Amino acid sequence: MNAAKALRVLMFGFLIAVLAIGLLPFLVIYNWSELYGLSEVDNSYSPLTFLQKYMK
């Protein structure tokens, strides 16, 4: 393995690591919402629901 291939593999690994660390807070919040049952709450105040009612 030459230096260019090693550098390419390291950069790919760093990219995957940065993406994983960047998504971690969103996964934690999603897990907490599932744990406390917040995902089953009526979501009638979301902008998407408002637009669906508005467009009918």
C-alpha atoms as a PDB file:
ATOM      1  CA  MET A   1       0.000   0.000   0.000  1.00  0.00           C
ATOM      2  CA  ASN A   2       1.471   3.305  -0.991  1.00  0.00           C
ATOM      3  CA  ALA A   3       1.072   6.627   0.806  1.00  0.00           C
ATOM      4  CA  ALA A   4      -1.681   7.918  -1.503  1.00  0.00           C
ATOM      5  CA  LYS A   5      -3.899   4.889  -0.920  1.00  0.00           C
ATOM      6  CA  ALA A   6      -3.272   5.019   2.834  1.00  0.00           C
ATOM      7  CA  LEU A   7      -4.197   8.702   2.895  1.00  0.00           C
ATOM      8  CA  ARG A   8      -7.357   8.013   0.878  1.00  0.00           C
ATOM      9  CA  VAL A   9      -8.417   5.251   3.288  1.00  0.00           C
ATOM     10  CA  LEU A  10      -7.725   7.480   6.312  1.00  0.00           C
ATOM     11  CA  MET A  11      -9.723  10.364   4.846  1.00  0.00           C
ATOM     12  CA  PHE A  12     -12.651   8.031   4.149  1.00  0.00           C
ATOM     13  CA  GLY A  13     -12.498   6.805   7.753  1.00  0.00           C
ATOM     14  CA  PHE A  14     -12.408  10.365   9.082  1.00  0.00           C
ATOM     15  CA  LEU A  15     -15.413  11.265   6.934  1.00  0.00           C
ATOM     16  CA  ILE A  16     -17.419   8.328   8.293  1.00  0.00           C
ATOM     17  CA  ALA A  17     -16.373   9.249  11.861  1.00  0.00           C
ATOM     18  CA  VAL A  18     -17.427  12.886  11.441  1.00  0.00           C
ATOM     19  CA  LEU A  19     -20.810  11.851  10.034  1.00  0.00           C
ATOM     20  CA  ALA A  20     -21.365   9.374  12.874  1.00  0.00           C
ATOM     21  CA  ILE A  21     -20.460  11.916  15.553  1.00  0.00           C
ATOM     22  CA  GLY A  22     -22.616  14.547  13.851  1.00  0.00           C
ATOM     23  CA  LEU A  23     -25.678  12.274  13.811  1.00  0.00           C
ATOM     24  CA  LEU A  24     -25.239  11.077  17.390  1.00  0.00           C
ATOM     25  CA  PRO A  25     -27.240  13.904  19.082  1.00  0.00           C
ATOM     26  CA  PHE A  26     -30.199  13.303  16.773  1.00  0.00           C
ATOM     27  CA  LEU A  27     -30.124   9.575  17.504  1.00  0.00           C
ATOM     28  CA  VAL A  28     -30.001  10.225  21.257  1.00  0.00           C
ATOM     29  CA  ILE A  29     -32.996  12.580  21.094  1.00  0.00           C
ATOM     30  CA  TYR A  30     -34.919  10.072  18.972  1.00  0.00           C
ATOM     31  CA  ASN A  31     -34.108   7.314  21.456  1.00  0.00           C
ATOM     32  CA  TRP A  32     -35.267   9.459  24.401  1.00  0.00           C
ATOM     33  CA  SER A  33     -38.513  10.308  22.646  1.00  0.00           C
ATOM     34  CA  GLU A  34     -39.174   6.614  22.091  1.00  0.00           C
ATOM     35  CA  LEU A  35     -38.250   5.840  25.703  1.00  0.00           C
ATOM     36  CA  TYR A  36     -40.635   8.402  27.185  1.00  0.00           C
ATOM     37  CA  GLY A  37     -43.396   7.806  24.648  1.00  0.00           C
ATOM     38  CA  LEU A  38     -43.225  11.275  23.131  1.00  0.00           C
ATOM     39  CA  SER A  39     -43.440   9.930  19.588  1.00  0.00           C
ATOM     40  CA  GLU A  40     -47.023   8.790  20.253  1.00  0.00           C
ATOM     41  CA  VAL A  41     -48.224  12.272  21.225  1.00  0.00           C
ATOM     42  CA  ASP A  42     -50.733  13.890  18.868  1.00  0.00           C
ATOM     43  CA  ASN A  43     -48.728  15.941  16.417  1.00  0.00           C
ATOM     44  CA  SER A  44     -51.516  18.327  15.398  1.00  0.00           C
ATOM     45  CA  TYR A  45     -49.355  21.433  15.874  1.00  0.00           C
ATOM     46  CA  SER A  46     -46.724  20.592  13.282  1.00  0.00           C
ATOM     47  CA  PRO A  47     -46.395  22.765  10.171  1.00  0.00           C
ATOM     48  CA  LEU A  48     -47.022  19.758   7.946  1.00  0.00           C
ATOM     49  CA  THR A  49     -50.370  19.035   9.603  1.00  0.00           C
ATOM     50  CA  PHE A  50     -51.321  22.702   9.346  1.00  0.00           C
ATOM     51  CA  LEU A  51     -50.547  22.727   5.622  1.00  0.00           C
ATOM     52  CA  GLN A  52     -52.499  19.523   5.051  1.00  0.00           C
ATOM     53  CA  LYS A  53     -55.553  21.071   6.722  1.00  0.00           C
ATOM     54  CA  TYR A  54     -55.034  24.347   4.867  1.00  0.00           C
ATOM     55  CA  MET A  55     -54.797  22.741   1.413  1.00  0.00           C
ATOM     56  CA  LYS A  56     -58.026  20.728   1.715  1.00  0.00           C
END
